[in-house]
Amino acid sequence: MKELEQIKARLSQITPGEWKLWGMSVMADPIGNSNVDDAYLIATTSDPHRGLRTWNANFIAKAPSDISRLVAAVEAVLSLIDEADTRGIASGSPLEADAIRAAIENALIP
């Protein structure tokens, strides 16, 4: 699945370390010690109509781990589909393996 591989490639290129919210800023904590002096600034967020907003920064800070979990979930589903298809379980059922794969692929296309 080309789109899933592209998402994984982009995810592998982000600044390493857990991303954390510090005020309105998102910072990477590469050492894992929660010391802002050792962190790297990822983004500072604001809303053009309402000023600085924590929820924008929180969304960005959680994105790498959320996306990693979503990618793992999609891969697990695809693996189950492949296994079922190989054993013939999905053949002839209302939701055939190819239809499920196509639905997942279409959901990944922006």
PDB file of N, CA and C in Angstrom:
ATOM      1  N   MET A   1       0.840  -1.175   0.000  1.00  0.00           N
ATOM      2  CA  MET A   1       0.000   0.000   0.000  1.00  0.00           C
ATOM      3  C   MET A   1       0.889   1.243   0.000  1.00  0.00           C
ATOM      4  N   LYS A   2       0.946   1.890  -1.123  1.00  0.00           N
ATOM      5  CA  LYS A   2       1.860   3.009  -1.304  1.00  0.00           C
ATOM      6  C   LYS A   2       1.618   4.125  -0.283  1.00  0.00           C
ATOM      7  N   GLU A   3       0.370   4.474  -0.044  1.00  0.00           N
ATOM      8  CA  GLU A   3       0.062   5.577   0.869  1.00  0.00           C
ATOM      9  C   GLU A   3       0.529   5.279   2.291  1.00  0.00           C
ATOM     10  N   LEU A   4       0.322   4.057   2.752  1.00  0.00           N
ATOM     11  CA  LEU A   4       0.753   3.675   4.098  1.00  0.00           C
ATOM     12  C   LEU A   4       2.277   3.738   4.209  1.00  0.00           C
ATOM     13  N   GLU A   5       2.969   3.287   3.179  1.00  0.00           N
ATOM     14  CA  GLU A   5       4.434   3.350   3.184  1.00  0.00           C
ATOM     15  C   GLU A   5       4.914   4.799   3.197  1.00  0.00           C
ATOM     16  N   GLN A   6       4.215   5.687   2.508  1.00  0.00           N
ATOM     17  CA  GLN A   6       4.589   7.099   2.506  1.00  0.00           C
ATOM     18  C   GLN A   6       4.379   7.718   3.889  1.00  0.00           C
ATOM     19  N   ILE A   7       3.297   7.365   4.548  1.00  0.00           N
ATOM     20  CA  ILE A   7       3.039   7.857   5.913  1.00  0.00           C
ATOM     21  C   ILE A   7       4.149   7.379   6.845  1.00  0.00           C
ATOM     22  N   LYS A   8       4.507   6.104   6.749  1.00  0.00           N
ATOM     23  CA  LYS A   8       5.566   5.562   7.595  1.00  0.00           C
ATOM     24  C   LYS A   8       6.902   6.243   7.318  1.00  0.00           C
ATOM     25  N   ALA A   9       7.178   6.542   6.050  1.00  0.00           N
ATOM     26  CA  ALA A   9       8.428   7.213   5.702  1.00  0.00           C
ATOM     27  C   ALA A   9       8.473   8.617   6.307  1.00  0.00           C
ATOM     28  N   ARG A  10       7.364   9.357   6.215  1.00  0.00           N
ATOM     29  CA  ARG A  10       7.333  10.698   6.812  1.00  0.00           C
ATOM     30  C   ARG A  10       7.493  10.610   8.323  1.00  0.00           C
ATOM     31  N   LEU A  11       6.854   9.639   8.933  1.00  0.00           N
ATOM     32  CA  LEU A  11       6.940   9.463  10.383  1.00  0.00           C
ATOM     33  C   LEU A  11       8.365   9.141  10.816  1.00  0.00           C
ATOM     34  N   SER A  12       9.084   8.398   9.997  1.00  0.00           N
ATOM     35  CA  SER A  12      10.467   8.031  10.352  1.00  0.00           C
ATOM     36  C   SER A  12      11.432   9.211  10.252  1.00  0.00           C
ATOM     37  N   GLN A  13      11.006  10.291   9.595  1.00  0.00           N
ATOM     38  CA  GLN A  13      11.893  11.432   9.380  1.00  0.00           C
ATOM     39  C   GLN A  13      11.677  12.575  10.368  1.00  0.00           C
ATOM     40  N   ILE A  14      10.750  12.428  11.300  1.00  0.00           N
ATOM     41  CA  ILE A  14      10.486  13.521  12.242  1.00  0.00           C
ATOM     42  C   ILE A  14      11.593  13.609  13.287  1.00  0.00           C
ATOM     43  N   THR A  15      11.640  14.722  13.995  1.00  0.00           N
ATOM     44  CA  THR A  15      12.616  14.909  15.064  1.00  0.00           C
ATOM     45  C   THR A  15      12.418  13.809  16.104  1.00  0.00           C
ATOM     46  N   PRO A  16      13.488  13.102  16.480  1.00  0.00           N
ATOM     47  CA  PRO A  16      13.356  11.991  17.426  1.00  0.00           C
ATOM     48  C   PRO A  16      13.043  12.458  18.846  1.00  0.00           C
ATOM     49  N   GLY A  17      12.580  11.519  19.630  1.00  0.00           N
ATOM     50  CA  GLY A  17      12.247  11.792  21.025  1.00  0.00           C
ATOM     51  C   GLY A  17      10.748  11.977  21.193  1.00  0.00           C
ATOM     52  N   GLU A  18      10.294  11.787  22.410  1.00  0.00           N
ATOM     53  CA  GLU A  18       8.878  12.019  22.696  1.00  0.00           C
ATOM     54  C   GLU A  18       8.577  13.495  22.539  1.00  0.00           C
ATOM     55  N   TRP A  19       7.496  13.808  21.871  1.00  0.00           N
ATOM     56  CA  TRP A  19       7.089  15.202  21.720  1.00  0.00           C
ATOM     57  C   TRP A  19       6.205  15.571  22.893  1.00  0.00           C
ATOM     58  N   LYS A  20       6.508  16.697  23.516  1.00  0.00           N
ATOM     59  CA  LYS A  20       5.789  17.110  24.721  1.00  0.00           C
ATOM     60  C   LYS A  20       5.302  18.542  24.592  1.00  0.00           C
ATOM     61  N   LEU A  21       4.281  18.810  25.344  1.00  0.00           N
ATOM     62  CA  LEU A  21       3.705  20.147  25.387  1.00  0.00           C
ATOM     63  C   LEU A  21       4.356  20.926  26.518  1.00  0.00           C
ATOM     64  N   TRP A  22       4.962  22.052  26.177  1.00  0.00           N
ATOM     65  CA  TRP A  22       5.506  22.978  27.166  1.00  0.00           C
ATOM     66  C   TRP A  22       4.865  24.326  26.884  1.00  0.00           C
ATOM     67  N   GLY A  23       3.876  24.681  27.654  1.00  0.00           N
ATOM     68  CA  GLY A  23       3.132  25.914  27.404  1.00  0.00           C
ATOM     69  C   GLY A  23       2.421  25.819  26.076  1.00  0.00           C
ATOM     70  N   MET A  24       2.653  26.760  25.203  1.00  0.00           N
ATOM     71  CA  MET A  24       2.069  26.742  23.863  1.00  0.00           C
ATOM     72  C   MET A  24       3.020  26.143  22.839  1.00  0.00           C
ATOM     73  N   SER A  25       4.131  25.623  23.312  1.00  0.00           N
ATOM     74  CA  SER A  25       5.146  25.067  22.419  1.00  0.00           C
ATOM     75  C   SER A  25       5.160  23.555  22.480  1.00  0.00           C
ATOM     76  N   VAL A  26       5.500  22.962  21.348  1.00  0.00           N
ATOM     77  CA  VAL A  26       5.727  21.526  21.256  1.00  0.00           C
ATOM     78  C   VAL A  26       7.227  21.352  21.136  1.00  0.00           C
ATOM     79  N   MET A  27       7.768  20.495  21.992  1.00  0.00           N
ATOM     80  CA  MET A  27       9.216  20.269  21.978  1.00  0.00           C
ATOM     81  C   MET A  27       9.494  18.769  21.994  1.00  0.00           C
ATOM     82  N   ALA A  28      10.565  18.383  21.315  1.00  0.00           N
ATOM     83  CA  ALA A  28      11.005  16.994  21.330  1.00  0.00           C
ATOM     84  C   ALA A  28      11.925  16.805  22.519  1.00  0.00           C
ATOM     85  N   ASP A  29      11.735  15.705  23.222  1.00  0.00           N
ATOM     86  CA  ASP A  29      12.533  15.364  24.404  1.00  0.00           C
ATOM     87  C   ASP A  29      13.399  14.155  24.063  1.00  0.00           C
ATOM     88  N   PRO A  30      14.518  14.368  23.341  1.00  0.00           N
ATOM     89  CA  PRO A  30      15.296  13.241  22.835  1.00  0.00           C
ATOM     90  C   PRO A  30      15.957  12.401  23.924  1.00  0.00           C
ATOM     91  N   ILE A  31      16.235  12.999  25.067  1.00  0.00           N
ATOM     92  CA  ILE A  31      16.881  12.272  26.160  1.00  0.00           C
ATOM     93  C   ILE A  31      15.844  11.580  27.044  1.00  0.00           C
ATOM     94  N   GLY A  32      14.646  12.165  27.087  1.00  0.00           N
ATOM     95  CA  GLY A  32      13.585  11.594  27.904  1.00  0.00           C
ATOM     96  C   GLY A  32      13.629  12.048  29.350  1.00  0.00           C
ATOM     97  N   ASN A  33      14.272  13.183  29.610  1.00  0.00           N
ATOM     98  CA  ASN A  33      14.402  13.642  30.990  1.00  0.00           C
ATOM     99  C   ASN A  33      13.462  14.798  31.333  1.00  0.00           C
ATOM    100  N   SER A  34      12.608  15.192  30.380  1.00  0.00           N
ATOM    101  CA  SER A  34      11.643  16.285  30.583  1.00  0.00           C
ATOM    102  C   SER A  34      12.312  17.597  30.981  1.00  0.00           C
ATOM    103  N   ASN A  35      13.547  17.790  30.571  1.00  0.00           N
ATOM    104  CA  ASN A  35      14.266  19.033  30.851  1.00  0.00           C
ATOM    105  C   ASN A  35      14.205  19.901  29.602  1.00  0.00           C
ATOM    106  N   VAL A  36      13.562  21.049  29.719  1.00  0.00           N
ATOM    107  CA  VAL A  36      13.384  21.925  28.567  1.00  0.00           C
ATOM    108  C   VAL A  36      14.723  22.375  27.982  1.00  0.00           C
ATOM    109  N   ASP A  37      15.768  22.401  28.775  1.00  0.00           N
ATOM    110  CA  ASP A  37      17.090  22.803  28.288  1.00  0.00           C
ATOM    111  C   ASP A  37      17.677  21.784  27.302  1.00  0.00           C
ATOM    112  N   ASP A  38      17.240  20.542  27.385  1.00  0.00           N
ATOM    113  CA  ASP A  38      17.722  19.495  26.490  1.00  0.00           C
ATOM    114  C   ASP A  38      16.785  19.253  25.311  1.00  0.00           C
ATOM    115  N   ALA A  39      15.682  19.964  25.268  1.00  0.00           N
ATOM    116  CA  ALA A  39      14.642  19.716  24.263  1.00  0.00           C
ATOM    117  C   ALA A  39      14.876  20.532  22.996  1.00  0.00           C
ATOM    118  N   TYR A  40      14.203  20.089  21.913  1.00  0.00           N
ATOM    119  CA  TYR A  40      14.235  20.793  20.634  1.00  0.00           C
ATOM    120  C   TYR A  40      12.843  21.342  20.336  1.00  0.00           C
ATOM    121  N   LEU A  41      12.768  22.606  19.966  1.00  0.00           N
ATOM    122  CA  LEU A  41      11.494  23.214  19.615  1.00  0.00           C
ATOM    123  C   LEU A  41      10.982  22.630  18.306  1.00  0.00           C
ATOM    124  N   ILE A  42       9.738  22.162  18.321  1.00  0.00           N
ATOM    125  CA  ILE A  42       9.086  21.635  17.128  1.00  0.00           C
ATOM    126  C   ILE A  42       8.149  22.692  16.549  1.00  0.00           C
ATOM    127  N   ALA A  43       7.316  23.282  17.422  1.00  0.00           N
ATOM    128  CA  ALA A  43       6.331  24.267  16.947  1.00  0.00           C
ATOM    129  C   ALA A  43       5.838  25.111  18.109  1.00  0.00           C
ATOM    130  N   THR A  44       5.455  26.327  17.795  1.00  0.00           N
ATOM    131  CA  THR A  44       4.726  27.182  18.720  1.00  0.00           C
ATOM    132  C   THR A  44       3.399  27.463  18.039  1.00  0.00           C
ATOM    133  N   THR A  45       2.319  27.302  18.755  1.00  0.00           N
ATOM    134  CA  THR A  45       1.011  27.363  18.114  1.00  0.00           C
ATOM    135  C   THR A  45       0.203  28.564  18.554  1.00  0.00           C
ATOM    136  N   SER A  46      -0.688  28.963  17.669  1.00  0.00           N
ATOM    137  CA  SER A  46      -1.645  30.020  17.986  1.00  0.00           C
ATOM    138  C   SER A  46      -2.846  29.889  17.058  1.00  0.00           C
ATOM    139  N   ASP A  47      -3.893  30.556  17.419  1.00  0.00           N
ATOM    140  CA  ASP A  47      -5.094  30.636  16.600  1.00  0.00           C
ATOM    141  C   ASP A  47      -5.185  32.095  16.162  1.00  0.00           C
ATOM    142  N   PRO A  48      -5.250  32.367  14.864  1.00  0.00           N
ATOM    143  CA  PRO A  48      -5.204  33.758  14.413  1.00  0.00           C
ATOM    144  C   PRO A  48      -6.329  34.630  14.972  1.00  0.00           C
ATOM    145  N   HIS A  49      -7.410  34.006  15.390  1.00  0.00           N
ATOM    146  CA  HIS A  49      -8.552  34.774  15.899  1.00  0.00           C
ATOM    147  C   HIS A  49      -8.614  34.808  17.419  1.00  0.00           C
ATOM    148  N   ARG A  50      -7.914  33.874  18.066  1.00  0.00           N
ATOM    149  CA  ARG A  50      -8.021  33.787  19.523  1.00  0.00           C
ATOM    150  C   ARG A  50      -6.681  33.729  20.238  1.00  0.00           C
ATOM    151  N   GLY A  51      -5.588  33.937  19.524  1.00  0.00           N
ATOM    152  CA  GLY A  51      -4.293  33.931  20.188  1.00  0.00           C
ATOM    153  C   GLY A  51      -3.753  32.537  20.439  1.00  0.00           C
ATOM    154  N   LEU A  52      -2.867  32.429  21.393  1.00  0.00           N
ATOM    155  CA  LEU A  52      -2.217  31.156  21.713  1.00  0.00           C
ATOM    156  C   LEU A  52      -3.244  30.145  22.225  1.00  0.00           C
ATOM    157  N   ARG A  53      -3.126  28.928  21.771  1.00  0.00           N
ATOM    158  CA  ARG A  53      -4.068  27.882  22.167  1.00  0.00           C
ATOM    159  C   ARG A  53      -3.326  26.589  22.480  1.00  0.00           C
ATOM    160  N   THR A  54      -3.522  26.066  23.670  1.00  0.00           N
ATOM    161  CA  THR A  54      -2.862  24.847  24.103  1.00  0.00           C
ATOM    162  C   THR A  54      -3.315  23.634  23.307  1.00  0.00           C
ATOM    163  N   TRP A  55      -4.604  23.548  22.942  1.00  0.00           N
ATOM    164  CA  TRP A  55      -5.078  22.328  22.288  1.00  0.00           C
ATOM    165  C   TRP A  55      -4.441  22.120  20.927  1.00  0.00           C
ATOM    166  N   ASN A  56      -4.063  23.202  20.221  1.00  0.00           N
ATOM    167  CA  ASN A  56      -3.339  23.024  18.958  1.00  0.00           C
ATOM    168  C   ASN A  56      -1.976  22.385  19.215  1.00  0.00           C
ATOM    169  N   ALA A  57      -1.278  22.900  20.199  1.00  0.00           N
ATOM    170  CA  ALA A  57       0.041  22.346  20.537  1.00  0.00           C
ATOM    171  C   ALA A  57      -0.085  20.914  21.037  1.00  0.00           C
ATOM    172  N   ASN A  58      -1.103  20.627  21.825  1.00  0.00           N
ATOM    173  CA  ASN A  58      -1.307  19.282  22.348  1.00  0.00           C
ATOM    174  C   ASN A  58      -1.571  18.288  21.210  1.00  0.00           C
ATOM    175  N   PHE A  59      -2.354  18.710  20.222  1.00  0.00           N
ATOM    176  CA  PHE A  59      -2.620  17.855  19.067  1.00  0.00           C
ATOM    177  C   PHE A  59      -1.318  17.516  18.338  1.00  0.00           C
ATOM    178  N   ILE A  60      -0.488  18.533  18.110  1.00  0.00           N
ATOM    179  CA  ILE A  60       0.794  18.324  17.423  1.00  0.00           C
ATOM    180  C   ILE A  60       1.705  17.427  18.260  1.00  0.00           C
ATOM    181  N   ALA A  61       1.742  17.664  19.563  1.00  0.00           N
ATOM    182  CA  ALA A  61       2.618  16.880  20.441  1.00  0.00           C
ATOM    183  C   ALA A  61       2.238  15.403  20.443  1.00  0.00           C
ATOM    184  N   LYS A  62       0.953  15.110  20.355  1.00  0.00           N
ATOM    185  CA  LYS A  62       0.487  13.717  20.390  1.00  0.00           C
ATOM    186  C   LYS A  62       0.496  13.050  19.014  1.00  0.00           C
ATOM    187  N   ALA A  63       0.638  13.828  17.945  1.00  0.00           N
ATOM    188  CA  ALA A  63       0.532  13.288  16.591  1.00  0.00           C
ATOM    189  C   ALA A  63       1.485  12.122  16.296  1.00  0.00           C
ATOM    190  N   PRO A  64       2.782  12.209  16.620  1.00  0.00           N
ATOM    191  CA  PRO A  64       3.663  11.084  16.274  1.00  0.00           C
ATOM    192  C   PRO A  64       3.234   9.762  16.913  1.00  0.00           C
ATOM    193  N   SER A  65       2.893   9.780  18.187  1.00  0.00           N
ATOM    194  CA  SER A  65       2.498   8.519  18.833  1.00  0.00           C
ATOM    195  C   SER A  65       1.117   8.074  18.359  1.00  0.00           C
ATOM    196  N   ASP A  66       0.204   9.021  18.119  1.00  0.00           N
ATOM    197  CA  ASP A  66      -1.123   8.657  17.610  1.00  0.00           C
ATOM    198  C   ASP A  66      -1.018   8.034  16.221  1.00  0.00           C
ATOM    199  N   ILE A  67      -0.215   8.644  15.359  1.00  0.00           N
ATOM    200  CA  ILE A  67      -0.066   8.133  13.997  1.00  0.00           C
ATOM    201  C   ILE A  67       0.623   6.770  14.012  1.00  0.00           C
ATOM    202  N   SER A  68       1.617   6.596  14.864  1.00  0.00           N
ATOM    203  CA  SER A  68       2.282   5.285  14.979  1.00  0.00           C
ATOM    204  C   SER A  68       1.292   4.200  15.364  1.00  0.00           C
ATOM    205  N   ARG A  69       0.418   4.502  16.331  1.00  0.00           N
ATOM    206  CA  ARG A  69      -0.577   3.515  16.749  1.00  0.00           C
ATOM    207  C   ARG A  69      -1.591   3.229  15.639  1.00  0.00           C
ATOM    208  N   LEU A  70      -1.997   4.263  14.921  1.00  0.00           N
ATOM    209  CA  LEU A  70      -2.942   4.062  13.821  1.00  0.00           C
ATOM    210  C   LEU A  70      -2.314   3.226  12.706  1.00  0.00           C
ATOM    211  N   VAL A  71      -1.067   3.499  12.382  1.00  0.00           N
ATOM    212  CA  VAL A  71      -0.370   2.717  11.359  1.00  0.00           C
ATOM    213  C   VAL A  71      -0.279   1.252  11.799  1.00  0.00           C
ATOM    214  N   ALA A  72       0.064   1.017  13.050  1.00  0.00           N
ATOM    215  CA  ALA A  72       0.154  -0.357  13.562  1.00  0.00           C
ATOM    216  C   ALA A  72      -1.206  -1.049  13.493  1.00  0.00           C
ATOM    217  N   ALA A  73      -2.278  -0.323  13.791  1.00  0.00           N
ATOM    218  CA  ALA A  73      -3.622  -0.907  13.734  1.00  0.00           C
ATOM    219  C   ALA A  73      -3.992  -1.271  12.298  1.00  0.00           C
ATOM    220  N   VAL A  74      -3.706  -0.392  11.358  1.00  0.00           N
ATOM    221  CA  VAL A  74      -4.000  -0.674   9.952  1.00  0.00           C
ATOM    222  C   VAL A  74      -3.188  -1.874   9.479  1.00  0.00           C
ATOM    223  N   GLU A  75      -1.906  -1.932   9.860  1.00  0.00           N
ATOM    224  CA  GLU A  75      -1.077  -3.071   9.458  1.00  0.00           C
ATOM    225  C   GLU A  75      -1.605  -4.373  10.062  1.00  0.00           C
ATOM    226  N   ALA A  76      -2.088  -4.333  11.290  1.00  0.00           N
ATOM    227  CA  ALA A  76      -2.639  -5.536  11.921  1.00  0.00           C
ATOM    228  C   ALA A  76      -3.889  -6.008  11.186  1.00  0.00           C
ATOM    229  N   VAL A  77      -4.748  -5.068  10.819  1.00  0.00           N
ATOM    230  CA  VAL A  77      -5.959  -5.427  10.076  1.00  0.00           C
ATOM    231  C   VAL A  77      -5.586  -6.013   8.716  1.00  0.00           C
ATOM    232  N   LEU A  78      -4.649  -5.372   8.034  1.00  0.00           N
ATOM    233  CA  LEU A  78      -4.221  -5.888   6.727  1.00  0.00           C
ATOM    234  C   LEU A  78      -3.618  -7.282   6.850  1.00  0.00           C
ATOM    235  N   SER A  79      -2.874  -7.519   7.920  1.00  0.00           N
ATOM    236  CA  SER A  79      -2.288  -8.839   8.142  1.00  0.00           C
ATOM    237  C   SER A  79      -3.380  -9.894   8.341  1.00  0.00           C
ATOM    238  N   LEU A  80      -4.395  -9.550   9.112  1.00  0.00           N
ATOM    239  CA  LEU A  80      -5.509 -10.474   9.315  1.00  0.00           C
ATOM    240  C   LEU A  80      -6.252 -10.750   8.012  1.00  0.00           C
ATOM    241  N   ILE A  81      -6.419  -9.706   7.206  1.00  0.00           N
ATOM    242  CA  ILE A  81      -7.081  -9.878   5.912  1.00  0.00           C
ATOM    243  C   ILE A  81      -6.265 -10.795   5.021  1.00  0.00           C
ATOM    244  N   ASP A  82      -4.948 -10.577   4.988  1.00  0.00           N
ATOM    245  CA  ASP A  82      -4.080 -11.433   4.178  1.00  0.00           C
ATOM    246  C   ASP A  82      -4.156 -12.887   4.635  1.00  0.00           C
ATOM    247  N   GLU A  83      -4.149 -13.085   5.943  1.00  0.00           N
ATOM    248  CA  GLU A  83      -4.225 -14.450   6.483  1.00  0.00           C
ATOM    249  C   GLU A  83      -5.558 -15.100   6.124  1.00  0.00           C
ATOM    250  N   ALA A  84      -6.639 -14.345   6.295  1.00  0.00           N
ATOM    251  CA  ALA A  84      -7.962 -14.882   5.975  1.00  0.00           C
ATOM    252  C   ALA A  84      -8.074 -15.173   4.484  1.00  0.00           C
ATOM    253  N   ASP A  85      -7.539 -14.293   3.668  1.00  0.00           N
ATOM    254  CA  ASP A  85      -7.596 -14.464   2.222  1.00  0.00           C
ATOM    255  C   ASP A  85      -6.790 -15.687   1.798  1.00  0.00           C
ATOM    256  N   THR A  86      -5.623 -15.876   2.410  1.00  0.00           N
ATOM    257  CA  THR A  86      -4.766 -17.014   2.090  1.00  0.00           C
ATOM    258  C   THR A  86      -5.463 -18.339   2.432  1.00  0.00           C
ATOM    259  N   ARG A  87      -6.166 -18.344   3.535  1.00  0.00           N
ATOM    260  CA  ARG A  87      -6.846 -19.568   3.967  1.00  0.00           C
ATOM    261  C   ARG A  87      -8.226 -19.708   3.339  1.00  0.00           C
ATOM    262  N   GLY A  88      -8.636 -18.708   2.541  1.00  0.00           N
ATOM    263  CA  GLY A  88      -9.923 -18.799   1.868  1.00  0.00           C
ATOM    264  C   GLY A  88     -11.103 -18.420   2.731  1.00  0.00           C
ATOM    265  N   ILE A  89     -10.854 -17.879   3.916  1.00  0.00           N
ATOM    266  CA  ILE A  89     -11.952 -17.550   4.825  1.00  0.00           C
ATOM    267  C   ILE A  89     -12.784 -16.392   4.287  1.00  0.00           C
ATOM    268  N   ALA A  90     -12.126 -15.412   3.698  1.00  0.00           N
ATOM    269  CA  ALA A  90     -12.844 -14.216   3.265  1.00  0.00           C
ATOM    270  C   ALA A  90     -13.547 -14.407   1.917  1.00  0.00           C
ATOM    271  N   SER A  91     -13.129 -15.400   1.154  1.00  0.00           N
ATOM    272  CA  SER A  91     -13.708 -15.587  -0.170  1.00  0.00           C
ATOM    273  C   SER A  91     -15.195 -15.873  -0.094  1.00  0.00           C
ATOM    274  N   GLY A  92     -15.941 -15.141  -0.892  1.00  0.00           N
ATOM    275  CA  GLY A  92     -17.378 -15.354  -0.954  1.00  0.00           C
ATOM    276  C   GLY A  92     -18.160 -14.663   0.130  1.00  0.00           C
ATOM    277  N   SER A  93     -17.492 -14.073   1.113  1.00  0.00           N
ATOM    278  CA  SER A  93     -18.212 -13.377   2.168  1.00  0.00           C
ATOM    279  C   SER A  93     -18.637 -12.002   1.664  1.00  0.00           C
ATOM    280  N   PRO A  94     -19.616 -11.367   2.325  1.00  0.00           N
ATOM    281  CA  PRO A  94     -20.086 -10.052   1.868  1.00  0.00           C
ATOM    282  C   PRO A  94     -18.967  -9.009   1.809  1.00  0.00           C
ATOM    283  N   LEU A  95     -18.031  -9.079   2.738  1.00  0.00           N
ATOM    284  CA  LEU A  95     -16.888  -8.155   2.721  1.00  0.00           C
ATOM    285  C   LEU A  95     -15.648  -8.933   2.331  1.00  0.00           C
ATOM    286  N   GLU A  96     -15.433  -9.067   1.056  1.00  0.00           N
ATOM    287  CA  GLU A  96     -14.279  -9.816   0.597  1.00  0.00           C
ATOM    288  C   GLU A  96     -12.992  -9.045   0.879  1.00  0.00           C
ATOM    289  N   ALA A  97     -11.897  -9.770   0.936  1.00  0.00           N
ATOM    290  CA  ALA A  97     -10.610  -9.189   1.285  1.00  0.00           C
ATOM    291  C   ALA A  97     -10.245  -8.012   0.381  1.00  0.00           C
ATOM    292  N   ASP A  98     -10.462  -8.142  -0.915  1.00  0.00           N
ATOM    293  CA  ASP A  98     -10.109  -7.046  -1.832  1.00  0.00           C
ATOM    294  C   ASP A  98     -10.926  -5.790  -1.542  1.00  0.00           C
ATOM    295  N   ALA A  99     -12.178  -5.949  -1.192  1.00  0.00           N
ATOM    296  CA  ALA A  99     -13.026  -4.795  -0.882  1.00  0.00           C
ATOM    297  C   ALA A  99     -12.551  -4.109   0.390  1.00  0.00           C
ATOM    298  N   ILE A 100     -12.115  -4.900   1.380  1.00  0.00           N
ATOM    299  CA  ILE A 100     -11.611  -4.324   2.630  1.00  0.00           C
ATOM    300  C   ILE A 100     -10.310  -3.587   2.364  1.00  0.00           C
ATOM    301  N   ARG A 101      -9.408  -4.209   1.600  1.00  0.00           N
ATOM    302  CA  ARG A 101      -8.148  -3.544   1.252  1.00  0.00           C
ATOM    303  C   ARG A 101      -8.414  -2.217   0.529  1.00  0.00           C
ATOM    304  N   ALA A 102      -9.339  -2.240  -0.422  1.00  0.00           N
ATOM    305  CA  ALA A 102      -9.649  -1.020  -1.183  1.00  0.00           C
ATOM    306  C   ALA A 102     -10.210   0.066  -0.273  1.00  0.00           C
ATOM    307  N   ALA A 103     -11.053  -0.323   0.666  1.00  0.00           N
ATOM    308  CA  ALA A 103     -11.619   0.655   1.596  1.00  0.00           C
ATOM    309  C   ALA A 103     -10.538   1.300   2.451  1.00  0.00           C
ATOM    310  N   ILE A 104      -9.591   0.487   2.927  1.00  0.00           N
ATOM    311  CA  ILE A 104      -8.497   1.021   3.740  1.00  0.00           C
ATOM    312  C   ILE A 104      -7.609   1.929   2.890  1.00  0.00           C
ATOM    313  N   GLU A 105      -7.281   1.484   1.676  1.00  0.00           N
ATOM    314  CA  GLU A 105      -6.460   2.320   0.790  1.00  0.00           C
ATOM    315  C   GLU A 105      -7.136   3.656   0.522  1.00  0.00           C
ATOM    316  N   ASN A 106      -8.438   3.624   0.235  1.00  0.00           N
ATOM    317  CA  ASN A 106      -9.168   4.870  -0.045  1.00  0.00           C
ATOM    318  C   ASN A 106      -9.202   5.784   1.174  1.00  0.00           C
ATOM    319  N   ALA A 107      -9.255   5.214   2.356  1.00  0.00           N
ATOM    320  CA  ALA A 107      -9.272   6.027   3.577  1.00  0.00           C
ATOM    321  C   ALA A 107      -7.938   6.723   3.802  1.00  0.00           C
ATOM    322  N   LEU A 108      -6.860   6.163   3.276  1.00  0.00           N
ATOM    323  CA  LEU A 108      -5.533   6.747   3.471  1.00  0.00           C
ATOM    324  C   LEU A 108      -5.207   7.830   2.458  1.00  0.00           C
ATOM    325  N   ILE A 109      -5.960   7.910   1.385  1.00  0.00           N
ATOM    326  CA  ILE A 109      -5.685   8.923   0.360  1.00  0.00           C
ATOM    327  C   ILE A 109      -6.242  10.261   0.810  1.00  0.00           C
ATOM    328  N   PRO A 110      -5.377  11.281   0.869  1.00  0.00           N
ATOM    329  CA  PRO A 110      -5.843  12.603   1.337  1.00  0.00           C
ATOM    330  C   PRO A 110      -6.822  13.254   0.374  1.00  0.00           C
TER     331      PRO A 110
END
